[in-house]
Amino acid sequence: MKKVLFATSALVATAGVASADVAVTGWAEMGIYGGSGMETQFFTDIDVLFRMSGETDNGLTFGAGVDLDENGAFTTNDDGGAFVFISGDFGTVTMGDTDGALDWALTEAWVGNAGSINDDETGHGGALGAYGDGAYDGQILRYDNTFGDFGVAISFEMDDTGARDAGYAVGFRYGLDMGGADLNIGIGYQFIDAMNYNPGNTNAFTGQDLDGEYDILGISVSTTLASGLSIGIEYTDYNSNEADDEYTHMGVGIGYSMDAFSVSANYGMWDIDADGGAPDEEITGFGIAAAYDLGGGASIHLGYGNTETDAAAGADADSWSFGVAMSF
């Protein structure tokens, strides 16, 4: 039985995009399943049909459409880029492609990000965004609730093979309006039983993955001023319970928006203290981005990312992109 979860043809819920029209129909399911010869695991299934169109201020029209079920995006035992949620006075329960509680609580270093079409500014080796999320099959179950300015969340991610302990996380965040500036503080803890897991972009430059059980602690502080300036800092520590491995990450970022223009920059550093006689390594990277809003949901984006590493197996690298993004 397929349930119609949502069906609408309405203006997209984005401020200032009055000419963009999005028609969405589909169904979704979430739960848990198991049986003989298989591990108990999360279940999510979804089909969505999108039809989108928009128009720039000077009369240029644009559009797109996709049936996500037809392209094989979703399977019942993998998030497939989809999520399902139920919300009420009790809080919100979300399952699928969603943030774990640590990621939910922390603010990434790329605050005020202007964005790029290839994510160059957040794809460098010094970037970190998902923390321990995705160490299993990518399906996450999270409960979160807010009480005034305070928020709390707890999440779980299961190993479908049964070979590893389930991962879990808890996060807390606090937002404060300081009159002309918003201050956001996040702190959290996450446990993962890793197996060839890359916590950020480190593997591409060092060849190292996380293996074994890890405790992850993280904290972030960010602020957005009424002038359009955003500033953030984040620190995360990965500590192995089985070996003498320790990964620490620090990131800082700044962004600024004025009228149709926005610019941003961020910097990140990994300090890897490996066990087993492996050499200690350091990875640094930075990213910059700029954007100009054409109106009607279309914008021009330029991005650049750069990585430097002292790992013998790695290599310095950079990337850039330029193009038009369309928001429906």
C-alpha atoms as a PDB file:
ATOM      1  CA  MET A   1       0.000   0.000   0.000  1.00  0.00           C
ATOM      2  CA  LYS A   2       1.368   3.377  -0.992  1.00  0.00           C
ATOM      3  CA  LYS A   3       0.412   6.391   1.069  1.00  0.00           C
ATOM      4  CA  VAL A   4       0.119   9.857  -0.450  1.00  0.00           C
ATOM      5  CA  LEU A   5       2.250  11.896   1.914  1.00  0.00           C
ATOM      6  CA  PHE A   6       2.286  15.139  -0.016  1.00  0.00           C
ATOM      7  CA  ALA A   7       0.843  16.536  -3.218  1.00  0.00           C
ATOM      8  CA  THR A   8       1.106  20.196  -4.054  1.00  0.00           C
ATOM      9  CA  SER A   9       1.572  22.721  -6.810  1.00  0.00           C
ATOM     10  CA  ALA A  10       2.590  25.956  -5.202  1.00  0.00           C
ATOM     11  CA  LEU A  11       5.177  28.678  -5.026  1.00  0.00           C
ATOM     12  CA  VAL A  12       8.454  27.466  -3.584  1.00  0.00           C
ATOM     13  CA  ALA A  13       8.844  28.346   0.092  1.00  0.00           C
ATOM     14  CA  THR A  14      11.843  30.615  -0.384  1.00  0.00           C
ATOM     15  CA  ALA A  15      11.658  34.305   0.392  1.00  0.00           C
ATOM     16  CA  GLY A  16      11.918  36.532  -2.637  1.00  0.00           C
ATOM     17  CA  VAL A  17      11.359  33.804  -5.246  1.00  0.00           C
ATOM     18  CA  ALA A  18       7.853  34.746  -6.269  1.00  0.00           C
ATOM     19  CA  SER A  19       8.134  33.603  -9.873  1.00  0.00           C
ATOM     20  CA  ALA A  20       9.404  30.061  -9.234  1.00  0.00           C
ATOM     21  CA  ASP A  21       6.786  27.310  -9.387  1.00  0.00           C
ATOM     22  CA  VAL A  22       7.281  23.771  -8.085  1.00  0.00           C
ATOM     23  CA  ALA A  23       4.835  20.889  -8.541  1.00  0.00           C
ATOM     24  CA  VAL A  24       5.554  17.947  -6.228  1.00  0.00           C
ATOM     25  CA  THR A  25       3.732  14.631  -5.797  1.00  0.00           C
ATOM     26  CA  GLY A  26       4.802  11.428  -4.092  1.00  0.00           C
ATOM     27  CA  TRP A  27       4.659   9.009  -1.171  1.00  0.00           C
ATOM     28  CA  ALA A  28       6.958   7.967   1.683  1.00  0.00           C
ATOM     29  CA  GLU A  29       7.311   5.257   4.359  1.00  0.00           C
ATOM     30  CA  MET A  30       9.600   4.762   7.359  1.00  0.00           C
ATOM     31  CA  GLY A  31      10.039   2.069   9.999  1.00  0.00           C
ATOM     32  CA  ILE A  32      12.162  -0.927  10.938  1.00  0.00           C
ATOM     33  CA  TYR A  33      12.317  -4.471   9.560  1.00  0.00           C
ATOM     34  CA  GLY A  34      14.126  -7.795   9.942  1.00  0.00           C
ATOM     35  CA  GLY A  35      13.644 -11.566   9.798  1.00  0.00           C
ATOM     36  CA  SER A  36      15.403 -14.864   9.150  1.00  0.00           C
ATOM     37  CA  GLY A  37      18.865 -14.526   7.680  1.00  0.00           C
ATOM     38  CA  MET A  38      19.018 -10.738   8.005  1.00  0.00           C
ATOM     39  CA  GLU A  39      19.835  -8.115  10.603  1.00  0.00           C
ATOM     40  CA  THR A  40      17.144  -5.839  11.975  1.00  0.00           C
ATOM     41  CA  GLN A  41      17.545  -2.491  10.276  1.00  0.00           C
ATOM     42  CA  PHE A  42      15.868   0.786   9.416  1.00  0.00           C
ATOM     43  CA  PHE A  43      13.384   0.926   6.528  1.00  0.00           C
ATOM     44  CA  THR A  44      12.740   3.996   4.365  1.00  0.00           C
ATOM     45  CA  ASP A  45      11.063   4.119   0.965  1.00  0.00           C
ATOM     46  CA  ILE A  46      10.023   7.141  -1.062  1.00  0.00           C
ATOM     47  CA  ASP A  47       9.037   8.241  -4.544  1.00  0.00           C
ATOM     48  CA  VAL A  48       8.917  11.883  -5.592  1.00  0.00           C
ATOM     49  CA  LEU A  49       7.998  13.475  -8.910  1.00  0.00           C
ATOM     50  CA  PHE A  50       9.231  17.051  -9.386  1.00  0.00           C
ATOM     51  CA  ARG A  51       8.257  19.539 -12.061  1.00  0.00           C
ATOM     52  CA  MET A  52       9.934  22.957 -11.654  1.00  0.00           C
ATOM     53  CA  SER A  53      10.019  26.231 -13.549  1.00  0.00           C
ATOM     54  CA  GLY A  54      11.131  29.802 -12.955  1.00  0.00           C
ATOM     55  CA  GLU A  55      11.781  33.149 -14.567  1.00  0.00           C
ATOM     56  CA  THR A  56      14.562  35.720 -14.069  1.00  0.00           C
ATOM     57  CA  ASP A  57      13.911  39.433 -13.670  1.00  0.00           C
ATOM     58  CA  ASN A  58      14.736  40.040 -17.342  1.00  0.00           C
ATOM     59  CA  GLY A  59      12.286  37.395 -18.624  1.00  0.00           C
ATOM     60  CA  LEU A  60      14.592  34.374 -19.069  1.00  0.00           C
ATOM     61  CA  THR A  61      12.707  31.169 -18.217  1.00  0.00           C
ATOM     62  CA  PHE A  62      14.214  27.949 -16.895  1.00  0.00           C
ATOM     63  CA  GLY A  63      12.919  24.575 -15.703  1.00  0.00           C
ATOM     64  CA  ALA A  64      13.598  20.930 -14.885  1.00  0.00           C
ATOM     65  CA  GLY A  65      11.872  17.701 -13.916  1.00  0.00           C
ATOM     66  CA  VAL A  66      12.755  14.322 -12.425  1.00  0.00           C
ATOM     67  CA  ASP A  67      11.120  11.143 -11.135  1.00  0.00           C
ATOM     68  CA  LEU A  68      13.408  10.060  -8.310  1.00  0.00           C
ATOM     69  CA  ASP A  69      12.041   6.515  -8.221  1.00  0.00           C
ATOM     70  CA  GLU A  70      12.836   5.954 -11.902  1.00  0.00           C
ATOM     71  CA  ASN A  71      16.522   6.805 -11.517  1.00  0.00           C
ATOM     72  CA  GLY A  72      17.025   4.262  -8.738  1.00  0.00           C
ATOM     73  CA  ALA A  73      17.784   6.903  -6.109  1.00  0.00           C
ATOM     74  CA  PHE A  74      15.971   5.134  -3.264  1.00  0.00           C
ATOM     75  CA  THR A  75      16.210   1.670  -1.746  1.00  0.00           C
ATOM     76  CA  THR A  76      14.574   0.488   1.474  1.00  0.00           C
ATOM     77  CA  ASN A  77      17.883  -0.229   3.280  1.00  0.00           C
ATOM     78  CA  ASP A  78      19.853   2.833   2.161  1.00  0.00           C
ATOM     79  CA  ASP A  79      18.945   6.495   2.579  1.00  0.00           C
ATOM     80  CA  GLY A  80      19.319   7.181  -1.162  1.00  0.00           C
ATOM     81  CA  GLY A  81      19.424  10.894  -0.418  1.00  0.00           C
ATOM     82  CA  ALA A  82      15.903  10.891   1.061  1.00  0.00           C
ATOM     83  CA  PHE A  83      14.431  11.413   4.516  1.00  0.00           C
ATOM     84  CA  VAL A  84      11.019  11.030   6.189  1.00  0.00           C
ATOM     85  CA  PHE A  85       9.838  12.790   9.365  1.00  0.00           C
ATOM     86  CA  ILE A  86       6.985  13.030  11.880  1.00  0.00           C
ATOM     87  CA  SER A  87       6.668  16.129  14.054  1.00  0.00           C
ATOM     88  CA  GLY A  88       4.450  17.327  16.887  1.00  0.00           C
ATOM     89  CA  ASP A  89       4.493  18.810  20.388  1.00  0.00           C
ATOM     90  CA  PHE A  90       6.680  15.857  21.414  1.00  0.00           C
ATOM     91  CA  GLY A  91       9.436  16.979  19.014  1.00  0.00           C
ATOM     92  CA  THR A  92      10.517  15.648  15.616  1.00  0.00           C
ATOM     93  CA  VAL A  93      11.488  12.117  14.558  1.00  0.00           C
ATOM     94  CA  THR A  94      13.429  11.946  11.266  1.00  0.00           C
ATOM     95  CA  MET A  95      14.775   8.881   9.431  1.00  0.00           C
ATOM     96  CA  GLY A  96      16.947   8.571   6.332  1.00  0.00           C
ATOM     97  CA  ASP A  97      19.406  11.063   4.848  1.00  0.00           C
ATOM     98  CA  THR A  98      19.523  13.437   7.801  1.00  0.00           C
ATOM     99  CA  ASP A  99      22.079  14.812  10.249  1.00  0.00           C
ATOM    100  CA  GLY A 100      23.095  12.818  13.290  1.00  0.00           C
ATOM    101  CA  ALA A 101      22.764  14.598  16.627  1.00  0.00           C
ATOM    102  CA  LEU A 102      26.379  15.840  16.641  1.00  0.00           C
ATOM    103  CA  ASP A 103      26.097  17.253  13.114  1.00  0.00           C
ATOM    104  CA  TRP A 104      22.671  18.689  14.006  1.00  0.00           C
ATOM    105  CA  ALA A 105      24.142  20.537  16.998  1.00  0.00           C
ATOM    106  CA  LEU A 106      27.339  21.911  15.416  1.00  0.00           C
ATOM    107  CA  THR A 107      27.687  24.652  12.810  1.00  0.00           C
ATOM    108  CA  GLU A 108      30.206  23.935  10.042  1.00  0.00           C
ATOM    109  CA  ALA A 109      33.065  26.382   9.589  1.00  0.00           C
ATOM    110  CA  TRP A 110      31.739  27.577   6.207  1.00  0.00           C
ATOM    111  CA  VAL A 111      29.240  30.021   7.746  1.00  0.00           C
ATOM    112  CA  GLY A 112      27.571  32.424   5.319  1.00  0.00           C
ATOM    113  CA  ASN A 113      28.718  30.231   2.436  1.00  0.00           C
ATOM    114  CA  ALA A 114      28.102  31.849  -0.966  1.00  0.00           C
ATOM    115  CA  GLY A 115      28.232  28.383  -2.566  1.00  0.00           C
ATOM    116  CA  SER A 116      29.514  27.014  -5.861  1.00  0.00           C
ATOM    117  CA  ILE A 117      28.153  24.561  -8.428  1.00  0.00           C
ATOM    118  CA  ASN A 118      30.871  21.975  -7.623  1.00  0.00           C
ATOM    119  CA  ASP A 119      31.176  22.633  -3.865  1.00  0.00           C
ATOM    120  CA  ASP A 120      34.862  23.475  -4.328  1.00  0.00           C
ATOM    121  CA  GLU A 121      34.889  25.731  -1.280  1.00  0.00           C
ATOM    122  CA  THR A 122      33.763  22.866   1.010  1.00  0.00           C
ATOM    123  CA  GLY A 123      35.462  19.942  -0.792  1.00  0.00           C
ATOM    124  CA  HIS A 124      39.074  20.685   0.111  1.00  0.00           C
ATOM    125  CA  GLY A 125      41.079  18.378   2.374  1.00  0.00           C
ATOM    126  CA  GLY A 126      40.746  20.645   5.404  1.00  0.00           C
ATOM    127  CA  ALA A 127      36.937  20.636   5.348  1.00  0.00           C
ATOM    128  CA  LEU A 128      34.711  18.688   7.745  1.00  0.00           C
ATOM    129  CA  GLY A 129      30.928  18.541   7.772  1.00  0.00           C
ATOM    130  CA  ALA A 130      29.439  15.090   8.499  1.00  0.00           C
ATOM    131  CA  TYR A 131      31.564  14.089  11.548  1.00  0.00           C
ATOM    132  CA  GLY A 132      30.729  10.389  12.237  1.00  0.00           C
ATOM    133  CA  ASP A 133      27.595  10.264  10.082  1.00  0.00           C
ATOM    134  CA  GLY A 134      27.736   7.721   7.251  1.00  0.00           C
ATOM    135  CA  ALA A 135      30.082   5.299   9.009  1.00  0.00           C
ATOM    136  CA  TYR A 136      27.387   2.657   8.408  1.00  0.00           C
ATOM    137  CA  ASP A 137      24.703   2.576   5.664  1.00  0.00           C
ATOM    138  CA  GLY A 138      23.813   6.267   5.841  1.00  0.00           C
ATOM    139  CA  GLN A 139      20.324   5.732   7.289  1.00  0.00           C
ATOM    140  CA  ILE A 140      20.039   7.802  10.478  1.00  0.00           C
ATOM    141  CA  LEU A 141      17.208   7.924  13.003  1.00  0.00           C
ATOM    142  CA  ARG A 142      17.154  11.217  14.939  1.00  0.00           C
ATOM    143  CA  TYR A 143      14.880  12.683  17.587  1.00  0.00           C
ATOM    144  CA  ASP A 144      15.180  16.400  18.301  1.00  0.00           C
ATOM    145  CA  ASN A 145      13.249  19.040  20.203  1.00  0.00           C
ATOM    146  CA  THR A 146      13.637  22.693  21.082  1.00  0.00           C
ATOM    147  CA  PHE A 147      12.701  24.493  24.289  1.00  0.00           C
ATOM    148  CA  GLY A 148      12.910  28.222  23.668  1.00  0.00           C
ATOM    149  CA  ASP A 149      16.520  28.996  22.754  1.00  0.00           C
ATOM    150  CA  PHE A 150      17.745  25.524  23.774  1.00  0.00           C
ATOM    151  CA  GLY A 151      17.704  22.404  21.575  1.00  0.00           C
ATOM    152  CA  VAL A 152      18.567  18.739  22.166  1.00  0.00           C
ATOM    153  CA  ALA A 153      18.874  15.724  19.862  1.00  0.00           C
ATOM    154  CA  ILE A 154      19.760  12.039  19.974  1.00  0.00           C
ATOM    155  CA  SER A 155      20.431   9.813  16.956  1.00  0.00           C
ATOM    156  CA  PHE A 156      21.280   6.231  15.943  1.00  0.00           C
ATOM    157  CA  GLU A 157      22.857   4.593  12.883  1.00  0.00           C
ATOM    158  CA  MET A 158      22.779   0.779  12.529  1.00  0.00           C
ATOM    159  CA  ASP A 159      25.122  -1.743  10.891  1.00  0.00           C
ATOM    160  CA  ASP A 160      22.985  -3.882   8.551  1.00  0.00           C
ATOM    161  CA  THR A 161      25.557  -6.729   8.648  1.00  0.00           C
ATOM    162  CA  GLY A 162      25.523  -7.093  12.448  1.00  0.00           C
ATOM    163  CA  ALA A 163      29.331  -7.135  12.555  1.00  0.00           C
ATOM    164  CA  ARG A 164      29.688  -3.819  14.377  1.00  0.00           C
ATOM    165  CA  ASP A 165      28.087  -2.031  17.303  1.00  0.00           C
ATOM    166  CA  ALA A 166      25.454   0.538  16.371  1.00  0.00           C
ATOM    167  CA  GLY A 167      26.506   4.172  16.335  1.00  0.00           C
ATOM    168  CA  TYR A 168      24.807   6.850  18.387  1.00  0.00           C
ATOM    169  CA  ALA A 169      25.117  10.553  19.130  1.00  0.00           C
ATOM    170  CA  VAL A 170      23.751  13.263  21.380  1.00  0.00           C
ATOM    171  CA  GLY A 171      23.846  16.996  20.721  1.00  0.00           C
ATOM    172  CA  PHE A 172      22.889  20.269  22.368  1.00  0.00           C
ATOM    173  CA  ARG A 173      22.640  23.753  20.904  1.00  0.00           C
ATOM    174  CA  TYR A 174      21.784  27.185  22.233  1.00  0.00           C
ATOM    175  CA  GLY A 175      20.852  30.268  20.250  1.00  0.00           C
ATOM    176  CA  LEU A 176      20.952  33.774  21.671  1.00  0.00           C
ATOM    177  CA  ASP A 177      19.660  37.019  20.163  1.00  0.00           C
ATOM    178  CA  MET A 178      22.092  39.694  21.294  1.00  0.00           C
ATOM    179  CA  GLY A 179      20.363  42.621  19.579  1.00  0.00           C
ATOM    180  CA  GLY A 180      21.971  43.069  16.183  1.00  0.00           C
ATOM    181  CA  ALA A 181      23.748  39.698  16.348  1.00  0.00           C
ATOM    182  CA  ASP A 182      22.714  36.056  16.653  1.00  0.00           C
ATOM    183  CA  LEU A 183      25.064  33.839  18.698  1.00  0.00           C
ATOM    184  CA  ASN A 184      24.824  30.050  18.229  1.00  0.00           C
ATOM    185  CA  ILE A 185      26.659  27.506  20.387  1.00  0.00           C
ATOM    186  CA  GLY A 186      26.677  23.764  19.710  1.00  0.00           C
ATOM    187  CA  ILE A 187      28.251  20.837  21.536  1.00  0.00           C
ATOM    188  CA  GLY A 188      27.888  17.089  21.118  1.00  0.00           C
ATOM    189  CA  TYR A 189      29.239  13.546  21.413  1.00  0.00           C
ATOM    190  CA  GLN A 190      29.188  10.659  18.922  1.00  0.00           C
ATOM    191  CA  PHE A 191      30.248   6.995  19.083  1.00  0.00           C
ATOM    192  CA  ILE A 192      31.047   5.015  15.917  1.00  0.00           C
ATOM    193  CA  ASP A 193      32.406   1.537  15.264  1.00  0.00           C
ATOM    194  CA  ALA A 194      34.296   2.487  12.119  1.00  0.00           C
ATOM    195  CA  MET A 195      35.411   0.280   9.252  1.00  0.00           C
ATOM    196  CA  ASN A 196      37.390   1.988   6.475  1.00  0.00           C
ATOM    197  CA  TYR A 197      35.511   5.212   7.210  1.00  0.00           C
ATOM    198  CA  ASN A 198      36.750   8.583   5.995  1.00  0.00           C
ATOM    199  CA  PRO A 199      35.637  11.314   8.431  1.00  0.00           C
ATOM    200  CA  GLY A 200      36.108  14.176   5.993  1.00  0.00           C
ATOM    201  CA  ASN A 201      38.182  14.470   2.850  1.00  0.00           C
ATOM    202  CA  THR A 202      41.314  13.049   4.497  1.00  0.00           C
ATOM    203  CA  ASN A 203      41.448   9.714   2.665  1.00  0.00           C
ATOM    204  CA  ALA A 204      41.827  11.324  -0.740  1.00  0.00           C
ATOM    205  CA  PHE A 205      45.048  12.993   0.427  1.00  0.00           C
ATOM    206  CA  THR A 206      46.547  10.564   2.996  1.00  0.00           C
ATOM    207  CA  GLY A 207      45.075   7.126   2.270  1.00  0.00           C
ATOM    208  CA  GLN A 208      44.044   6.820   5.942  1.00  0.00           C
ATOM    209  CA  ASP A 209      40.608   5.682   7.128  1.00  0.00           C
ATOM    210  CA  LEU A 210      39.173   5.306  10.596  1.00  0.00           C
ATOM    211  CA  ASP A 211      39.075   1.700  11.873  1.00  0.00           C
ATOM    212  CA  GLY A 212      37.829   0.533  15.273  1.00  0.00           C
ATOM    213  CA  GLU A 213      35.708   2.302  17.857  1.00  0.00           C
ATOM    214  CA  TYR A 214      35.925   6.082  18.152  1.00  0.00           C
ATOM    215  CA  ASP A 215      34.580   8.662  20.586  1.00  0.00           C
ATOM    216  CA  ILE A 216      33.968  11.993  18.856  1.00  0.00           C
ATOM    217  CA  LEU A 217      33.598  15.272  20.743  1.00  0.00           C
ATOM    218  CA  GLY A 218      32.792  18.539  18.996  1.00  0.00           C
ATOM    219  CA  ILE A 219      31.985  22.170  19.736  1.00  0.00           C
ATOM    220  CA  SER A 220      31.172  25.158  17.536  1.00  0.00           C
ATOM    221  CA  VAL A 221      30.447  28.854  17.990  1.00  0.00           C
ATOM    222  CA  SER A 222      29.048  31.101  15.271  1.00  0.00           C
ATOM    223  CA  THR A 223      27.500  34.522  14.954  1.00  0.00           C
ATOM    224  CA  THR A 224      25.608  36.464  12.293  1.00  0.00           C
ATOM    225  CA  LEU A 225      25.558  40.259  12.499  1.00  0.00           C
ATOM    226  CA  ALA A 226      22.798  42.521  11.231  1.00  0.00           C
ATOM    227  CA  SER A 227      25.339  43.984   8.791  1.00  0.00           C
ATOM    228  CA  GLY A 228      25.390  40.658   6.874  1.00  0.00           C
ATOM    229  CA  LEU A 229      28.712  39.431   8.313  1.00  0.00           C
ATOM    230  CA  SER A 230      28.929  35.824   9.574  1.00  0.00           C
ATOM    231  CA  ILE A 231      31.809  34.303  11.579  1.00  0.00           C
ATOM    232  CA  GLY A 232      32.233  30.743  12.870  1.00  0.00           C
ATOM    233  CA  ILE A 233      34.726  28.375  14.483  1.00  0.00           C
ATOM    234  CA  GLU A 234      34.550  24.606  15.058  1.00  0.00           C
ATOM    235  CA  TYR A 235      36.760  22.068  16.876  1.00  0.00           C
ATOM    236  CA  THR A 236      36.366  18.267  16.795  1.00  0.00           C
ATOM    237  CA  ASP A 237      38.362  15.430  18.391  1.00  0.00           C
ATOM    238  CA  TYR A 238      38.276  11.771  17.248  1.00  0.00           C
ATOM    239  CA  ASN A 239      39.778   9.429  19.857  1.00  0.00           C
ATOM    240  CA  SER A 240      40.132   5.665  19.311  1.00  0.00           C
ATOM    241  CA  ASN A 241      39.090   3.260  22.087  1.00  0.00           C
ATOM    242  CA  GLU A 242      41.164   0.400  20.620  1.00  0.00           C
ATOM    243  CA  ALA A 243      44.341   2.001  19.298  1.00  0.00           C
ATOM    244  CA  ASP A 244      46.435   5.078  19.884  1.00  0.00           C
ATOM    245  CA  ASP A 245      44.784   6.947  17.003  1.00  0.00           C
ATOM    246  CA  GLU A 246      43.659  10.535  17.423  1.00  0.00           C
ATOM    247  CA  TYR A 247      42.322  12.872  14.764  1.00  0.00           C
ATOM    248  CA  THR A 248      41.707  16.521  15.618  1.00  0.00           C
ATOM    249  CA  HIS A 249      40.108  19.071  13.342  1.00  0.00           C
ATOM    250  CA  MET A 250      39.779  22.841  13.553  1.00  0.00           C
ATOM    251  CA  GLY A 251      37.900  25.055  11.126  1.00  0.00           C
ATOM    252  CA  VAL A 252      37.150  28.775  10.852  1.00  0.00           C
ATOM    253  CA  GLY A 253      35.032  30.674   8.363  1.00  0.00           C
ATOM    254  CA  ILE A 254      33.656  34.072   7.433  1.00  0.00           C
ATOM    255  CA  GLY A 255      30.925  35.224   5.068  1.00  0.00           C
ATOM    256  CA  TYR A 256      29.400  38.503   3.975  1.00  0.00           C
ATOM    257  CA  SER A 257      26.255  39.388   2.016  1.00  0.00           C
ATOM    258  CA  MET A 258      25.132  42.738   0.669  1.00  0.00           C
ATOM    259  CA  ASP A 259      22.176  43.121  -1.695  1.00  0.00           C
ATOM    260  CA  ALA A 260      22.683  40.639  -4.571  1.00  0.00           C
ATOM    261  CA  PHE A 261      26.358  39.922  -3.792  1.00  0.00           C
ATOM    262  CA  SER A 262      27.744  37.378  -1.328  1.00  0.00           C
ATOM    263  CA  VAL A 263      31.299  36.189  -0.611  1.00  0.00           C
ATOM    264  CA  SER A 264      32.749  33.663   1.837  1.00  0.00           C
ATOM    265  CA  ALA A 265      35.992  31.980   2.860  1.00  0.00           C
ATOM    266  CA  ASN A 266      36.909  29.122   5.183  1.00  0.00           C
ATOM    267  CA  TYR A 267      40.034  27.358   6.434  1.00  0.00           C
ATOM    268  CA  GLY A 268      40.423  23.921   8.004  1.00  0.00           C
ATOM    269  CA  MET A 269      43.234  21.781   9.441  1.00  0.00           C
ATOM    270  CA  TRP A 270      43.476  18.054  10.284  1.00  0.00           C
ATOM    271  CA  ASP A 271      46.127  16.888  12.754  1.00  0.00           C
ATOM    272  CA  ILE A 272      46.440  13.084  12.527  1.00  0.00           C
ATOM    273  CA  ASP A 273      48.277  11.195  15.298  1.00  0.00           C
ATOM    274  CA  ALA A 274      48.368   7.603  13.978  1.00  0.00           C
ATOM    275  CA  ASP A 275      49.281   4.388  15.788  1.00  0.00           C
ATOM    276  CA  GLY A 276      51.309   1.362  14.665  1.00  0.00           C
ATOM    277  CA  GLY A 277      54.340   3.412  13.721  1.00  0.00           C
ATOM    278  CA  ALA A 278      52.478   5.220  10.939  1.00  0.00           C
ATOM    279  CA  PRO A 279      53.712   8.783  10.446  1.00  0.00           C
ATOM    280  CA  ASP A 280      51.807  11.699  11.937  1.00  0.00           C
ATOM    281  CA  GLU A 281      50.212  13.825   9.260  1.00  0.00           C
ATOM    282  CA  GLU A 282      48.759  17.286   8.790  1.00  0.00           C
ATOM    283  CA  ILE A 283      46.269  18.388   6.146  1.00  0.00           C
ATOM    284  CA  THR A 284      45.281  22.014   5.610  1.00  0.00           C
ATOM    285  CA  GLY A 285      42.879  23.516   3.127  1.00  0.00           C
ATOM    286  CA  PHE A 286      40.925  26.626   2.322  1.00  0.00           C
ATOM    287  CA  GLY A 287      37.962  27.522   0.160  1.00  0.00           C
ATOM    288  CA  ILE A 288      36.477  30.729  -1.238  1.00  0.00           C
ATOM    289  CA  ALA A 289      33.200  31.415  -3.024  1.00  0.00           C
ATOM    290  CA  ALA A 290      31.330  34.343  -4.535  1.00  0.00           C
ATOM    291  CA  ALA A 291      27.799  34.653  -5.885  1.00  0.00           C
ATOM    292  CA  TYR A 292      25.530  37.171  -7.582  1.00  0.00           C
ATOM    293  CA  ASP A 293      21.745  36.807  -7.394  1.00  0.00           C
ATOM    294  CA  LEU A 294      20.080  37.337 -10.789  1.00  0.00           C
ATOM    295  CA  GLY A 295      16.610  37.266  -9.250  1.00  0.00           C
ATOM    296  CA  GLY A 296      13.788  34.779  -9.689  1.00  0.00           C
ATOM    297  CA  GLY A 297      15.836  31.932  -8.212  1.00  0.00           C
ATOM    298  CA  ALA A 298      18.832  32.049 -10.581  1.00  0.00           C
ATOM    299  CA  SER A 299      22.341  33.050  -9.477  1.00  0.00           C
ATOM    300  CA  ILE A 300      25.935  33.048 -10.757  1.00  0.00           C
ATOM    301  CA  HIS A 301      28.555  31.227  -8.658  1.00  0.00           C
ATOM    302  CA  LEU A 302      32.345  31.064  -8.553  1.00  0.00           C
ATOM    303  CA  GLY A 303      34.228  28.719  -6.218  1.00  0.00           C
ATOM    304  CA  TYR A 304      37.798  27.625  -5.449  1.00  0.00           C
ATOM    305  CA  GLY A 305      39.340  25.071  -3.073  1.00  0.00           C
ATOM    306  CA  ASN A 306      42.973  24.319  -2.216  1.00  0.00           C
ATOM    307  CA  THR A 307      44.595  21.496  -0.202  1.00  0.00           C
ATOM    308  CA  GLU A 308      48.108  21.011   1.159  1.00  0.00           C
ATOM    309  CA  THR A 309      49.334  17.876   2.962  1.00  0.00           C
ATOM    310  CA  ASP A 310      52.603  16.477   4.286  1.00  0.00           C
ATOM    311  CA  ALA A 311      51.436  12.865   3.824  1.00  0.00           C
ATOM    312  CA  ALA A 312      53.671  10.681   1.672  1.00  0.00           C
ATOM    313  CA  ALA A 313      50.630   9.039   0.078  1.00  0.00           C
ATOM    314  CA  GLY A 314      48.867  12.321  -0.566  1.00  0.00           C
ATOM    315  CA  ALA A 315      49.229  15.167  -3.004  1.00  0.00           C
ATOM    316  CA  ASP A 316      48.486  18.862  -2.966  1.00  0.00           C
ATOM    317  CA  ALA A 317      45.446  19.720  -5.044  1.00  0.00           C
ATOM    318  CA  ASP A 318      43.035  22.469  -5.994  1.00  0.00           C
ATOM    319  CA  SER A 319      39.740  22.814  -7.859  1.00  0.00           C
ATOM    320  CA  TRP A 320      37.490  25.562  -9.160  1.00  0.00           C
ATOM    321  CA  SER A 321      34.103  25.996 -10.828  1.00  0.00           C
ATOM    322  CA  PHE A 322      31.978  28.728 -12.411  1.00  0.00           C
ATOM    323  CA  GLY A 323      28.359  28.579 -13.513  1.00  0.00           C
ATOM    324  CA  VAL A 324      24.677  29.300 -12.941  1.00  0.00           C
ATOM    325  CA  ALA A 325      22.561  27.742 -10.173  1.00  0.00           C
ATOM    326  CA  MET A 326      18.760  27.615 -10.359  1.00  0.00           C
ATOM    327  CA  SER A 327      16.540  27.541  -7.275  1.00  0.00           C
ATOM    328  CA  PHE A 328      12.881  26.552  -7.773  1.00  0.00           C
END
